[in-house]
Structure formats: C-alpha cells, structure tokens
Amino acid sequence: LSPADAHADVREVLARCDELRAET
C-alpha cells in the first residue's frame, strides 16, 4: 500500500512523525 493511498489518518500520523523527527 502506498502511503499516498493509505487512509487519511495514516497519512496524517506519518506526516506528523516526519515533522517531529525534524523538530527533535
């Protein structure tokens, strides 16, 4: 399953994880 085709909640969580990785 491509992340782009995943449920909106999955896309939201993975995007926030990327933001937090950069922030920390």
PDBML (XML) file of the C-alpha atoms, coordinates in Angstrom:
<?xml version="1.0" encoding="UTF-8" ?>
<PDBx:datablock datablockName="MODEL"
   xmlns:PDBx="http://pdbml.pdb.org/schema/pdbx-v50.xsd"
   xmlns:xsi="http://www.w3.org/2001/XMLSchema-instance"
   xsi:schemaLocation="http://pdbml.pdb.org/schema/pdbx-v50.xsd pdbx-v50.xsd">
   <PDBx:atom_siteCategory>
      <PDBx:atom_site id="1">
         <PDBx:B_iso_or_equiv>0.00</PDBx:B_iso_or_equiv>
         <PDBx:Cartn_x>0.000</PDBx:Cartn_x>
         <PDBx:Cartn_y>0.000</PDBx:Cartn_y>
         <PDBx:Cartn_z>0.000</PDBx:Cartn_z>
         <PDBx:auth_asym_id>A</PDBx:auth_asym_id>
         <PDBx:auth_atom_id>CA</PDBx:auth_atom_id>
         <PDBx:auth_comp_id>LEU</PDBx:auth_comp_id>
         <PDBx:auth_seq_id>1</PDBx:auth_seq_id>
         <PDBx:group_PDB>ATOM</PDBx:group_PDB>
         <PDBx:label_alt_id xsi:nil="true" />
         <PDBx:label_asym_id>A</PDBx:label_asym_id>
         <PDBx:label_atom_id>CA</PDBx:label_atom_id>
         <PDBx:label_comp_id>LEU</PDBx:label_comp_id>
         <PDBx:label_entity_id>1</PDBx:label_entity_id>
         <PDBx:label_seq_id>1</PDBx:label_seq_id>
         <PDBx:occupancy>1.00</PDBx:occupancy>
         <PDBx:pdbx_PDB_model_num>1</PDBx:pdbx_PDB_model_num>
         <PDBx:type_symbol>C</PDBx:type_symbol>
      </PDBx:atom_site>
      <PDBx:atom_site id="2">
         <PDBx:B_iso_or_equiv>0.00</PDBx:B_iso_or_equiv>
         <PDBx:Cartn_x>1.440</PDBx:Cartn_x>
         <PDBx:Cartn_y>3.343</PDBx:Cartn_y>
         <PDBx:Cartn_z>-0.997</PDBx:Cartn_z>
         <PDBx:auth_asym_id>A</PDBx:auth_asym_id>
         <PDBx:auth_atom_id>CA</PDBx:auth_atom_id>
         <PDBx:auth_comp_id>SER</PDBx:auth_comp_id>
         <PDBx:auth_seq_id>2</PDBx:auth_seq_id>
         <PDBx:group_PDB>ATOM</PDBx:group_PDB>
         <PDBx:label_alt_id xsi:nil="true" />
         <PDBx:label_asym_id>A</PDBx:label_asym_id>
         <PDBx:label_atom_id>CA</PDBx:label_atom_id>
         <PDBx:label_comp_id>SER</PDBx:label_comp_id>
         <PDBx:label_entity_id>1</PDBx:label_entity_id>
         <PDBx:label_seq_id>2</PDBx:label_seq_id>
         <PDBx:occupancy>1.00</PDBx:occupancy>
         <PDBx:pdbx_PDB_model_num>1</PDBx:pdbx_PDB_model_num>
         <PDBx:type_symbol>C</PDBx:type_symbol>
      </PDBx:atom_site>
      <PDBx:atom_site id="3">
         <PDBx:B_iso_or_equiv>0.00</PDBx:B_iso_or_equiv>
         <PDBx:Cartn_x>1.399</PDBx:Cartn_x>
         <PDBx:Cartn_y>5.908</PDBx:Cartn_y>
         <PDBx:Cartn_z>1.844</PDBx:Cartn_z>
         <PDBx:auth_asym_id>A</PDBx:auth_asym_id>
         <PDBx:auth_atom_id>CA</PDBx:auth_atom_id>
         <PDBx:auth_comp_id>PRO</PDBx:auth_comp_id>
         <PDBx:auth_seq_id>3</PDBx:auth_seq_id>
         <PDBx:group_PDB>ATOM</PDBx:group_PDB>
         <PDBx:label_alt_id xsi:nil="true" />
         <PDBx:label_asym_id>A</PDBx:label_asym_id>
         <PDBx:label_atom_id>CA</PDBx:label_atom_id>
         <PDBx:label_comp_id>PRO</PDBx:label_comp_id>
         <PDBx:label_entity_id>1</PDBx:label_entity_id>
         <PDBx:label_seq_id>3</PDBx:label_seq_id>
         <PDBx:occupancy>1.00</PDBx:occupancy>
         <PDBx:pdbx_PDB_model_num>1</PDBx:pdbx_PDB_model_num>
         <PDBx:type_symbol>C</PDBx:type_symbol>
      </PDBx:atom_site>
      <PDBx:atom_site id="4">
         <PDBx:B_iso_or_equiv>0.00</PDBx:B_iso_or_equiv>
         <PDBx:Cartn_x>-0.308</PDBx:Cartn_x>
         <PDBx:Cartn_y>8.278</PDBx:Cartn_y>
         <PDBx:Cartn_z>-0.601</PDBx:Cartn_z>
         <PDBx:auth_asym_id>A</PDBx:auth_asym_id>
         <PDBx:auth_atom_id>CA</PDBx:auth_atom_id>
         <PDBx:auth_comp_id>ALA</PDBx:auth_comp_id>
         <PDBx:auth_seq_id>4</PDBx:auth_seq_id>
         <PDBx:group_PDB>ATOM</PDBx:group_PDB>
         <PDBx:label_alt_id xsi:nil="true" />
         <PDBx:label_asym_id>A</PDBx:label_asym_id>
         <PDBx:label_atom_id>CA</PDBx:label_atom_id>
         <PDBx:label_comp_id>ALA</PDBx:label_comp_id>
         <PDBx:label_entity_id>1</PDBx:label_entity_id>
         <PDBx:label_seq_id>4</PDBx:label_seq_id>
         <PDBx:occupancy>1.00</PDBx:occupancy>
         <PDBx:pdbx_PDB_model_num>1</PDBx:pdbx_PDB_model_num>
         <PDBx:type_symbol>C</PDBx:type_symbol>
      </PDBx:atom_site>
      <PDBx:atom_site id="5">
         <PDBx:B_iso_or_equiv>0.00</PDBx:B_iso_or_equiv>
         <PDBx:Cartn_x>-3.162</PDBx:Cartn_x>
         <PDBx:Cartn_y>5.777</PDBx:Cartn_y>
         <PDBx:Cartn_z>-0.982</PDBx:Cartn_z>
         <PDBx:auth_asym_id>A</PDBx:auth_asym_id>
         <PDBx:auth_atom_id>CA</PDBx:auth_atom_id>
         <PDBx:auth_comp_id>ASP</PDBx:auth_comp_id>
         <PDBx:auth_seq_id>5</PDBx:auth_seq_id>
         <PDBx:group_PDB>ATOM</PDBx:group_PDB>
         <PDBx:label_alt_id xsi:nil="true" />
         <PDBx:label_asym_id>A</PDBx:label_asym_id>
         <PDBx:label_atom_id>CA</PDBx:label_atom_id>
         <PDBx:label_comp_id>ASP</PDBx:label_comp_id>
         <PDBx:label_entity_id>1</PDBx:label_entity_id>
         <PDBx:label_seq_id>5</PDBx:label_seq_id>
         <PDBx:occupancy>1.00</PDBx:occupancy>
         <PDBx:pdbx_PDB_model_num>1</PDBx:pdbx_PDB_model_num>
         <PDBx:type_symbol>C</PDBx:type_symbol>
      </PDBx:atom_site>
      <PDBx:atom_site id="6">
         <PDBx:B_iso_or_equiv>0.00</PDBx:B_iso_or_equiv>
         <PDBx:Cartn_x>-3.473</PDBx:Cartn_x>
         <PDBx:Cartn_y>4.992</PDBx:Cartn_y>
         <PDBx:Cartn_z>2.717</PDBx:Cartn_z>
         <PDBx:auth_asym_id>A</PDBx:auth_asym_id>
         <PDBx:auth_atom_id>CA</PDBx:auth_atom_id>
         <PDBx:auth_comp_id>ALA</PDBx:auth_comp_id>
         <PDBx:auth_seq_id>6</PDBx:auth_seq_id>
         <PDBx:group_PDB>ATOM</PDBx:group_PDB>
         <PDBx:label_alt_id xsi:nil="true" />
         <PDBx:label_asym_id>A</PDBx:label_asym_id>
         <PDBx:label_atom_id>CA</PDBx:label_atom_id>
         <PDBx:label_comp_id>ALA</PDBx:label_comp_id>
         <PDBx:label_entity_id>1</PDBx:label_entity_id>
         <PDBx:label_seq_id>6</PDBx:label_seq_id>
         <PDBx:occupancy>1.00</PDBx:occupancy>
         <PDBx:pdbx_PDB_model_num>1</PDBx:pdbx_PDB_model_num>
         <PDBx:type_symbol>C</PDBx:type_symbol>
      </PDBx:atom_site>
      <PDBx:atom_site id="7">
         <PDBx:B_iso_or_equiv>0.00</PDBx:B_iso_or_equiv>
         <PDBx:Cartn_x>-6.281</PDBx:Cartn_x>
         <PDBx:Cartn_y>6.180</PDBx:Cartn_y>
         <PDBx:Cartn_z>4.986</PDBx:Cartn_z>
         <PDBx:auth_asym_id>A</PDBx:auth_asym_id>
         <PDBx:auth_atom_id>CA</PDBx:auth_atom_id>
         <PDBx:auth_comp_id>HIS</PDBx:auth_comp_id>
         <PDBx:auth_seq_id>7</PDBx:auth_seq_id>
         <PDBx:group_PDB>ATOM</PDBx:group_PDB>
         <PDBx:label_alt_id xsi:nil="true" />
         <PDBx:label_asym_id>A</PDBx:label_asym_id>
         <PDBx:label_atom_id>CA</PDBx:label_atom_id>
         <PDBx:label_comp_id>HIS</PDBx:label_comp_id>
         <PDBx:label_entity_id>1</PDBx:label_entity_id>
         <PDBx:label_seq_id>7</PDBx:label_seq_id>
         <PDBx:occupancy>1.00</PDBx:occupancy>
         <PDBx:pdbx_PDB_model_num>1</PDBx:pdbx_PDB_model_num>
         <PDBx:type_symbol>C</PDBx:type_symbol>
      </PDBx:atom_site>
      <PDBx:atom_site id="8">
         <PDBx:B_iso_or_equiv>0.00</PDBx:B_iso_or_equiv>
         <PDBx:Cartn_x>-6.196</PDBx:Cartn_x>
         <PDBx:Cartn_y>9.915</PDBx:Cartn_y>
         <PDBx:Cartn_z>5.725</PDBx:Cartn_z>
         <PDBx:auth_asym_id>A</PDBx:auth_asym_id>
         <PDBx:auth_atom_id>CA</PDBx:auth_atom_id>
         <PDBx:auth_comp_id>ALA</PDBx:auth_comp_id>
         <PDBx:auth_seq_id>8</PDBx:auth_seq_id>
         <PDBx:group_PDB>ATOM</PDBx:group_PDB>
         <PDBx:label_alt_id xsi:nil="true" />
         <PDBx:label_asym_id>A</PDBx:label_asym_id>
         <PDBx:label_atom_id>CA</PDBx:label_atom_id>
         <PDBx:label_comp_id>ALA</PDBx:label_comp_id>
         <PDBx:label_entity_id>1</PDBx:label_entity_id>
         <PDBx:label_seq_id>8</PDBx:label_seq_id>
         <PDBx:occupancy>1.00</PDBx:occupancy>
         <PDBx:pdbx_PDB_model_num>1</PDBx:pdbx_PDB_model_num>
         <PDBx:type_symbol>C</PDBx:type_symbol>
      </PDBx:atom_site>
      <PDBx:atom_site id="9">
         <PDBx:B_iso_or_equiv>0.00</PDBx:B_iso_or_equiv>
         <PDBx:Cartn_x>-5.384</PDBx:Cartn_x>
         <PDBx:Cartn_y>9.149</PDBx:Cartn_y>
         <PDBx:Cartn_z>9.381</PDBx:Cartn_z>
         <PDBx:auth_asym_id>A</PDBx:auth_asym_id>
         <PDBx:auth_atom_id>CA</PDBx:auth_atom_id>
         <PDBx:auth_comp_id>ASP</PDBx:auth_comp_id>
         <PDBx:auth_seq_id>9</PDBx:auth_seq_id>
         <PDBx:group_PDB>ATOM</PDBx:group_PDB>
         <PDBx:label_alt_id xsi:nil="true" />
         <PDBx:label_asym_id>A</PDBx:label_asym_id>
         <PDBx:label_atom_id>CA</PDBx:label_atom_id>
         <PDBx:label_comp_id>ASP</PDBx:label_comp_id>
         <PDBx:label_entity_id>1</PDBx:label_entity_id>
         <PDBx:label_seq_id>9</PDBx:label_seq_id>
         <PDBx:occupancy>1.00</PDBx:occupancy>
         <PDBx:pdbx_PDB_model_num>1</PDBx:pdbx_PDB_model_num>
         <PDBx:type_symbol>C</PDBx:type_symbol>
      </PDBx:atom_site>
      <PDBx:atom_site id="10">
         <PDBx:B_iso_or_equiv>0.00</PDBx:B_iso_or_equiv>
         <PDBx:Cartn_x>-2.326</PDBx:Cartn_x>
         <PDBx:Cartn_y>7.134</PDBx:Cartn_y>
         <PDBx:Cartn_z>8.351</PDBx:Cartn_z>
         <PDBx:auth_asym_id>A</PDBx:auth_asym_id>
         <PDBx:auth_atom_id>CA</PDBx:auth_atom_id>
         <PDBx:auth_comp_id>VAL</PDBx:auth_comp_id>
         <PDBx:auth_seq_id>10</PDBx:auth_seq_id>
         <PDBx:group_PDB>ATOM</PDBx:group_PDB>
         <PDBx:label_alt_id xsi:nil="true" />
         <PDBx:label_asym_id>A</PDBx:label_asym_id>
         <PDBx:label_atom_id>CA</PDBx:label_atom_id>
         <PDBx:label_comp_id>VAL</PDBx:label_comp_id>
         <PDBx:label_entity_id>1</PDBx:label_entity_id>
         <PDBx:label_seq_id>10</PDBx:label_seq_id>
         <PDBx:occupancy>1.00</PDBx:occupancy>
         <PDBx:pdbx_PDB_model_num>1</PDBx:pdbx_PDB_model_num>
         <PDBx:type_symbol>C</PDBx:type_symbol>
      </PDBx:atom_site>
      <PDBx:atom_site id="11">
         <PDBx:B_iso_or_equiv>0.00</PDBx:B_iso_or_equiv>
         <PDBx:Cartn_x>-1.132</PDBx:Cartn_x>
         <PDBx:Cartn_y>9.957</PDBx:Cartn_y>
         <PDBx:Cartn_z>6.124</PDBx:Cartn_z>
         <PDBx:auth_asym_id>A</PDBx:auth_asym_id>
         <PDBx:auth_atom_id>CA</PDBx:auth_atom_id>
         <PDBx:auth_comp_id>ARG</PDBx:auth_comp_id>
         <PDBx:auth_seq_id>11</PDBx:auth_seq_id>
         <PDBx:group_PDB>ATOM</PDBx:group_PDB>
         <PDBx:label_alt_id xsi:nil="true" />
         <PDBx:label_asym_id>A</PDBx:label_asym_id>
         <PDBx:label_atom_id>CA</PDBx:label_atom_id>
         <PDBx:label_comp_id>ARG</PDBx:label_comp_id>
         <PDBx:label_entity_id>1</PDBx:label_entity_id>
         <PDBx:label_seq_id>11</PDBx:label_seq_id>
         <PDBx:occupancy>1.00</PDBx:occupancy>
         <PDBx:pdbx_PDB_model_num>1</PDBx:pdbx_PDB_model_num>
         <PDBx:type_symbol>C</PDBx:type_symbol>
      </PDBx:atom_site>
      <PDBx:atom_site id="12">
         <PDBx:B_iso_or_equiv>0.00</PDBx:B_iso_or_equiv>
         <PDBx:Cartn_x>-1.667</PDBx:Cartn_x>
         <PDBx:Cartn_y>12.462</PDBx:Cartn_y>
         <PDBx:Cartn_z>8.938</PDBx:Cartn_z>
         <PDBx:auth_asym_id>A</PDBx:auth_asym_id>
         <PDBx:auth_atom_id>CA</PDBx:auth_atom_id>
         <PDBx:auth_comp_id>GLU</PDBx:auth_comp_id>
         <PDBx:auth_seq_id>12</PDBx:auth_seq_id>
         <PDBx:group_PDB>ATOM</PDBx:group_PDB>
         <PDBx:label_alt_id xsi:nil="true" />
         <PDBx:label_asym_id>A</PDBx:label_asym_id>
         <PDBx:label_atom_id>CA</PDBx:label_atom_id>
         <PDBx:label_comp_id>GLU</PDBx:label_comp_id>
         <PDBx:label_entity_id>1</PDBx:label_entity_id>
         <PDBx:label_seq_id>12</PDBx:label_seq_id>
         <PDBx:occupancy>1.00</PDBx:occupancy>
         <PDBx:pdbx_PDB_model_num>1</PDBx:pdbx_PDB_model_num>
         <PDBx:type_symbol>C</PDBx:type_symbol>
      </PDBx:atom_site>
      <PDBx:atom_site id="13">
         <PDBx:B_iso_or_equiv>0.00</PDBx:B_iso_or_equiv>
         <PDBx:Cartn_x>0.240</PDBx:Cartn_x>
         <PDBx:Cartn_y>10.401</PDBx:Cartn_y>
         <PDBx:Cartn_z>11.500</PDBx:Cartn_z>
         <PDBx:auth_asym_id>A</PDBx:auth_asym_id>
         <PDBx:auth_atom_id>CA</PDBx:auth_atom_id>
         <PDBx:auth_comp_id>VAL</PDBx:auth_comp_id>
         <PDBx:auth_seq_id>13</PDBx:auth_seq_id>
         <PDBx:group_PDB>ATOM</PDBx:group_PDB>
         <PDBx:label_alt_id xsi:nil="true" />
         <PDBx:label_asym_id>A</PDBx:label_asym_id>
         <PDBx:label_atom_id>CA</PDBx:label_atom_id>
         <PDBx:label_comp_id>VAL</PDBx:label_comp_id>
         <PDBx:label_entity_id>1</PDBx:label_entity_id>
         <PDBx:label_seq_id>13</PDBx:label_seq_id>
         <PDBx:occupancy>1.00</PDBx:occupancy>
         <PDBx:pdbx_PDB_model_num>1</PDBx:pdbx_PDB_model_num>
         <PDBx:type_symbol>C</PDBx:type_symbol>
      </PDBx:atom_site>
      <PDBx:atom_site id="14">
         <PDBx:B_iso_or_equiv>0.00</PDBx:B_iso_or_equiv>
         <PDBx:Cartn_x>3.190</PDBx:Cartn_x>
         <PDBx:Cartn_y>9.675</PDBx:Cartn_y>
         <PDBx:Cartn_z>9.199</PDBx:Cartn_z>
         <PDBx:auth_asym_id>A</PDBx:auth_asym_id>
         <PDBx:auth_atom_id>CA</PDBx:auth_atom_id>
         <PDBx:auth_comp_id>LEU</PDBx:auth_comp_id>
         <PDBx:auth_seq_id>14</PDBx:auth_seq_id>
         <PDBx:group_PDB>ATOM</PDBx:group_PDB>
         <PDBx:label_alt_id xsi:nil="true" />
         <PDBx:label_asym_id>A</PDBx:label_asym_id>
         <PDBx:label_atom_id>CA</PDBx:label_atom_id>
         <PDBx:label_comp_id>LEU</PDBx:label_comp_id>
         <PDBx:label_entity_id>1</PDBx:label_entity_id>
         <PDBx:label_seq_id>14</PDBx:label_seq_id>
         <PDBx:occupancy>1.00</PDBx:occupancy>
         <PDBx:pdbx_PDB_model_num>1</PDBx:pdbx_PDB_model_num>
         <PDBx:type_symbol>C</PDBx:type_symbol>
      </PDBx:atom_site>
      <PDBx:atom_site id="15">
         <PDBx:B_iso_or_equiv>0.00</PDBx:B_iso_or_equiv>
         <PDBx:Cartn_x>3.413</PDBx:Cartn_x>
         <PDBx:Cartn_y>13.351</PDBx:Cartn_y>
         <PDBx:Cartn_z>8.223</PDBx:Cartn_z>
         <PDBx:auth_asym_id>A</PDBx:auth_asym_id>
         <PDBx:auth_atom_id>CA</PDBx:auth_atom_id>
         <PDBx:auth_comp_id>ALA</PDBx:auth_comp_id>
         <PDBx:auth_seq_id>15</PDBx:auth_seq_id>
         <PDBx:group_PDB>ATOM</PDBx:group_PDB>
         <PDBx:label_alt_id xsi:nil="true" />
         <PDBx:label_asym_id>A</PDBx:label_asym_id>
         <PDBx:label_atom_id>CA</PDBx:label_atom_id>
         <PDBx:label_comp_id>ALA</PDBx:label_comp_id>
         <PDBx:label_entity_id>1</PDBx:label_entity_id>
         <PDBx:label_seq_id>15</PDBx:label_seq_id>
         <PDBx:occupancy>1.00</PDBx:occupancy>
         <PDBx:pdbx_PDB_model_num>1</PDBx:pdbx_PDB_model_num>
         <PDBx:type_symbol>C</PDBx:type_symbol>
      </PDBx:atom_site>
      <PDBx:atom_site id="16">
         <PDBx:B_iso_or_equiv>0.00</PDBx:B_iso_or_equiv>
         <PDBx:Cartn_x>3.410</PDBx:Cartn_x>
         <PDBx:Cartn_y>14.410</PDBx:Cartn_y>
         <PDBx:Cartn_z>11.870</PDBx:Cartn_z>
         <PDBx:auth_asym_id>A</PDBx:auth_asym_id>
         <PDBx:auth_atom_id>CA</PDBx:auth_atom_id>
         <PDBx:auth_comp_id>ARG</PDBx:auth_comp_id>
         <PDBx:auth_seq_id>16</PDBx:auth_seq_id>
         <PDBx:group_PDB>ATOM</PDBx:group_PDB>
         <PDBx:label_alt_id xsi:nil="true" />
         <PDBx:label_asym_id>A</PDBx:label_asym_id>
         <PDBx:label_atom_id>CA</PDBx:label_atom_id>
         <PDBx:label_comp_id>ARG</PDBx:label_comp_id>
         <PDBx:label_entity_id>1</PDBx:label_entity_id>
         <PDBx:label_seq_id>16</PDBx:label_seq_id>
         <PDBx:occupancy>1.00</PDBx:occupancy>
         <PDBx:pdbx_PDB_model_num>1</PDBx:pdbx_PDB_model_num>
         <PDBx:type_symbol>C</PDBx:type_symbol>
      </PDBx:atom_site>
      <PDBx:atom_site id="17">
         <PDBx:B_iso_or_equiv>0.00</PDBx:B_iso_or_equiv>
         <PDBx:Cartn_x>6.105</PDBx:Cartn_x>
         <PDBx:Cartn_y>11.833</PDBx:Cartn_y>
         <PDBx:Cartn_z>12.636</PDBx:Cartn_z>
         <PDBx:auth_asym_id>A</PDBx:auth_asym_id>
         <PDBx:auth_atom_id>CA</PDBx:auth_atom_id>
         <PDBx:auth_comp_id>CYS</PDBx:auth_comp_id>
         <PDBx:auth_seq_id>17</PDBx:auth_seq_id>
         <PDBx:group_PDB>ATOM</PDBx:group_PDB>
         <PDBx:label_alt_id xsi:nil="true" />
         <PDBx:label_asym_id>A</PDBx:label_asym_id>
         <PDBx:label_atom_id>CA</PDBx:label_atom_id>
         <PDBx:label_comp_id>CYS</PDBx:label_comp_id>
         <PDBx:label_entity_id>1</PDBx:label_entity_id>
         <PDBx:label_seq_id>17</PDBx:label_seq_id>
         <PDBx:occupancy>1.00</PDBx:occupancy>
         <PDBx:pdbx_PDB_model_num>1</PDBx:pdbx_PDB_model_num>
         <PDBx:type_symbol>C</PDBx:type_symbol>
      </PDBx:atom_site>
      <PDBx:atom_site id="18">
         <PDBx:B_iso_or_equiv>0.00</PDBx:B_iso_or_equiv>
         <PDBx:Cartn_x>8.273</PDBx:Cartn_x>
         <PDBx:Cartn_y>13.399</PDBx:Cartn_y>
         <PDBx:Cartn_z>9.940</PDBx:Cartn_z>
         <PDBx:auth_asym_id>A</PDBx:auth_asym_id>
         <PDBx:auth_atom_id>CA</PDBx:auth_atom_id>
         <PDBx:auth_comp_id>ASP</PDBx:auth_comp_id>
         <PDBx:auth_seq_id>18</PDBx:auth_seq_id>
         <PDBx:group_PDB>ATOM</PDBx:group_PDB>
         <PDBx:label_alt_id xsi:nil="true" />
         <PDBx:label_asym_id>A</PDBx:label_asym_id>
         <PDBx:label_atom_id>CA</PDBx:label_atom_id>
         <PDBx:label_comp_id>ASP</PDBx:label_comp_id>
         <PDBx:label_entity_id>1</PDBx:label_entity_id>
         <PDBx:label_seq_id>18</PDBx:label_seq_id>
         <PDBx:occupancy>1.00</PDBx:occupancy>
         <PDBx:pdbx_PDB_model_num>1</PDBx:pdbx_PDB_model_num>
         <PDBx:type_symbol>C</PDBx:type_symbol>
      </PDBx:atom_site>
      <PDBx:atom_site id="19">
         <PDBx:B_iso_or_equiv>0.00</PDBx:B_iso_or_equiv>
         <PDBx:Cartn_x>7.695</PDBx:Cartn_x>
         <PDBx:Cartn_y>16.859</PDBx:Cartn_y>
         <PDBx:Cartn_z>11.425</PDBx:Cartn_z>
         <PDBx:auth_asym_id>A</PDBx:auth_asym_id>
         <PDBx:auth_atom_id>CA</PDBx:auth_atom_id>
         <PDBx:auth_comp_id>GLU</PDBx:auth_comp_id>
         <PDBx:auth_seq_id>19</PDBx:auth_seq_id>
         <PDBx:group_PDB>ATOM</PDBx:group_PDB>
         <PDBx:label_alt_id xsi:nil="true" />
         <PDBx:label_asym_id>A</PDBx:label_asym_id>
         <PDBx:label_atom_id>CA</PDBx:label_atom_id>
         <PDBx:label_comp_id>GLU</PDBx:label_comp_id>
         <PDBx:label_entity_id>1</PDBx:label_entity_id>
         <PDBx:label_seq_id>19</PDBx:label_seq_id>
         <PDBx:occupancy>1.00</PDBx:occupancy>
         <PDBx:pdbx_PDB_model_num>1</PDBx:pdbx_PDB_model_num>
         <PDBx:type_symbol>C</PDBx:type_symbol>
      </PDBx:atom_site>
      <PDBx:atom_site id="20">
         <PDBx:B_iso_or_equiv>0.00</PDBx:B_iso_or_equiv>
         <PDBx:Cartn_x>8.619</PDBx:Cartn_x>
         <PDBx:Cartn_y>15.677</PDBx:Cartn_y>
         <PDBx:Cartn_z>14.908</PDBx:Cartn_z>
         <PDBx:auth_asym_id>A</PDBx:auth_asym_id>
         <PDBx:auth_atom_id>CA</PDBx:auth_atom_id>
         <PDBx:auth_comp_id>LEU</PDBx:auth_comp_id>
         <PDBx:auth_seq_id>20</PDBx:auth_seq_id>
         <PDBx:group_PDB>ATOM</PDBx:group_PDB>
         <PDBx:label_alt_id xsi:nil="true" />
         <PDBx:label_asym_id>A</PDBx:label_asym_id>
         <PDBx:label_atom_id>CA</PDBx:label_atom_id>
         <PDBx:label_comp_id>LEU</PDBx:label_comp_id>
         <PDBx:label_entity_id>1</PDBx:label_entity_id>
         <PDBx:label_seq_id>20</PDBx:label_seq_id>
         <PDBx:occupancy>1.00</PDBx:occupancy>
         <PDBx:pdbx_PDB_model_num>1</PDBx:pdbx_PDB_model_num>
         <PDBx:type_symbol>C</PDBx:type_symbol>
      </PDBx:atom_site>
      <PDBx:atom_site id="21">
         <PDBx:B_iso_or_equiv>0.00</PDBx:B_iso_or_equiv>
         <PDBx:Cartn_x>11.724</PDBx:Cartn_x>
         <PDBx:Cartn_y>13.898</PDBx:Cartn_y>
         <PDBx:Cartn_z>13.646</PDBx:Cartn_z>
         <PDBx:auth_asym_id>A</PDBx:auth_asym_id>
         <PDBx:auth_atom_id>CA</PDBx:auth_atom_id>
         <PDBx:auth_comp_id>ARG</PDBx:auth_comp_id>
         <PDBx:auth_seq_id>21</PDBx:auth_seq_id>
         <PDBx:group_PDB>ATOM</PDBx:group_PDB>
         <PDBx:label_alt_id xsi:nil="true" />
         <PDBx:label_asym_id>A</PDBx:label_asym_id>
         <PDBx:label_atom_id>CA</PDBx:label_atom_id>
         <PDBx:label_comp_id>ARG</PDBx:label_comp_id>
         <PDBx:label_entity_id>1</PDBx:label_entity_id>
         <PDBx:label_seq_id>21</PDBx:label_seq_id>
         <PDBx:occupancy>1.00</PDBx:occupancy>
         <PDBx:pdbx_PDB_model_num>1</PDBx:pdbx_PDB_model_num>
         <PDBx:type_symbol>C</PDBx:type_symbol>
      </PDBx:atom_site>
      <PDBx:atom_site id="22">
         <PDBx:B_iso_or_equiv>0.00</PDBx:B_iso_or_equiv>
         <PDBx:Cartn_x>12.974</PDBx:Cartn_x>
         <PDBx:Cartn_y>17.201</PDBx:Cartn_y>
         <PDBx:Cartn_z>12.241</PDBx:Cartn_z>
         <PDBx:auth_asym_id>A</PDBx:auth_asym_id>
         <PDBx:auth_atom_id>CA</PDBx:auth_atom_id>
         <PDBx:auth_comp_id>ALA</PDBx:auth_comp_id>
         <PDBx:auth_seq_id>22</PDBx:auth_seq_id>
         <PDBx:group_PDB>ATOM</PDBx:group_PDB>
         <PDBx:label_alt_id xsi:nil="true" />
         <PDBx:label_asym_id>A</PDBx:label_asym_id>
         <PDBx:label_atom_id>CA</PDBx:label_atom_id>
         <PDBx:label_comp_id>ALA</PDBx:label_comp_id>
         <PDBx:label_entity_id>1</PDBx:label_entity_id>
         <PDBx:label_seq_id>22</PDBx:label_seq_id>
         <PDBx:occupancy>1.00</PDBx:occupancy>
         <PDBx:pdbx_PDB_model_num>1</PDBx:pdbx_PDB_model_num>
         <PDBx:type_symbol>C</PDBx:type_symbol>
      </PDBx:atom_site>
      <PDBx:atom_site id="23">
         <PDBx:B_iso_or_equiv>0.00</PDBx:B_iso_or_equiv>
         <PDBx:Cartn_x>11.876</PDBx:Cartn_x>
         <PDBx:Cartn_y>19.171</PDBx:Cartn_y>
         <PDBx:Cartn_z>15.298</PDBx:Cartn_z>
         <PDBx:auth_asym_id>A</PDBx:auth_asym_id>
         <PDBx:auth_atom_id>CA</PDBx:auth_atom_id>
         <PDBx:auth_comp_id>GLU</PDBx:auth_comp_id>
         <PDBx:auth_seq_id>23</PDBx:auth_seq_id>
         <PDBx:group_PDB>ATOM</PDBx:group_PDB>
         <PDBx:label_alt_id xsi:nil="true" />
         <PDBx:label_asym_id>A</PDBx:label_asym_id>
         <PDBx:label_atom_id>CA</PDBx:label_atom_id>
         <PDBx:label_comp_id>GLU</PDBx:label_comp_id>
         <PDBx:label_entity_id>1</PDBx:label_entity_id>
         <PDBx:label_seq_id>23</PDBx:label_seq_id>
         <PDBx:occupancy>1.00</PDBx:occupancy>
         <PDBx:pdbx_PDB_model_num>1</PDBx:pdbx_PDB_model_num>
         <PDBx:type_symbol>C</PDBx:type_symbol>
      </PDBx:atom_site>
      <PDBx:atom_site id="24">
         <PDBx:B_iso_or_equiv>0.00</PDBx:B_iso_or_equiv>
         <PDBx:Cartn_x>13.702</PDBx:Cartn_x>
         <PDBx:Cartn_y>16.829</PDBx:Cartn_y>
         <PDBx:Cartn_z>17.704</PDBx:Cartn_z>
         <PDBx:auth_asym_id>A</PDBx:auth_asym_id>
         <PDBx:auth_atom_id>CA</PDBx:auth_atom_id>
         <PDBx:auth_comp_id>THR</PDBx:auth_comp_id>
         <PDBx:auth_seq_id>24</PDBx:auth_seq_id>
         <PDBx:group_PDB>ATOM</PDBx:group_PDB>
         <PDBx:label_alt_id xsi:nil="true" />
         <PDBx:label_asym_id>A</PDBx:label_asym_id>
         <PDBx:label_atom_id>CA</PDBx:label_atom_id>
         <PDBx:label_comp_id>THR</PDBx:label_comp_id>
         <PDBx:label_entity_id>1</PDBx:label_entity_id>
         <PDBx:label_seq_id>24</PDBx:label_seq_id>
         <PDBx:occupancy>1.00</PDBx:occupancy>
         <PDBx:pdbx_PDB_model_num>1</PDBx:pdbx_PDB_model_num>
         <PDBx:type_symbol>C</PDBx:type_symbol>
      </PDBx:atom_site>
   </PDBx:atom_siteCategory>
</PDBx:datablock>
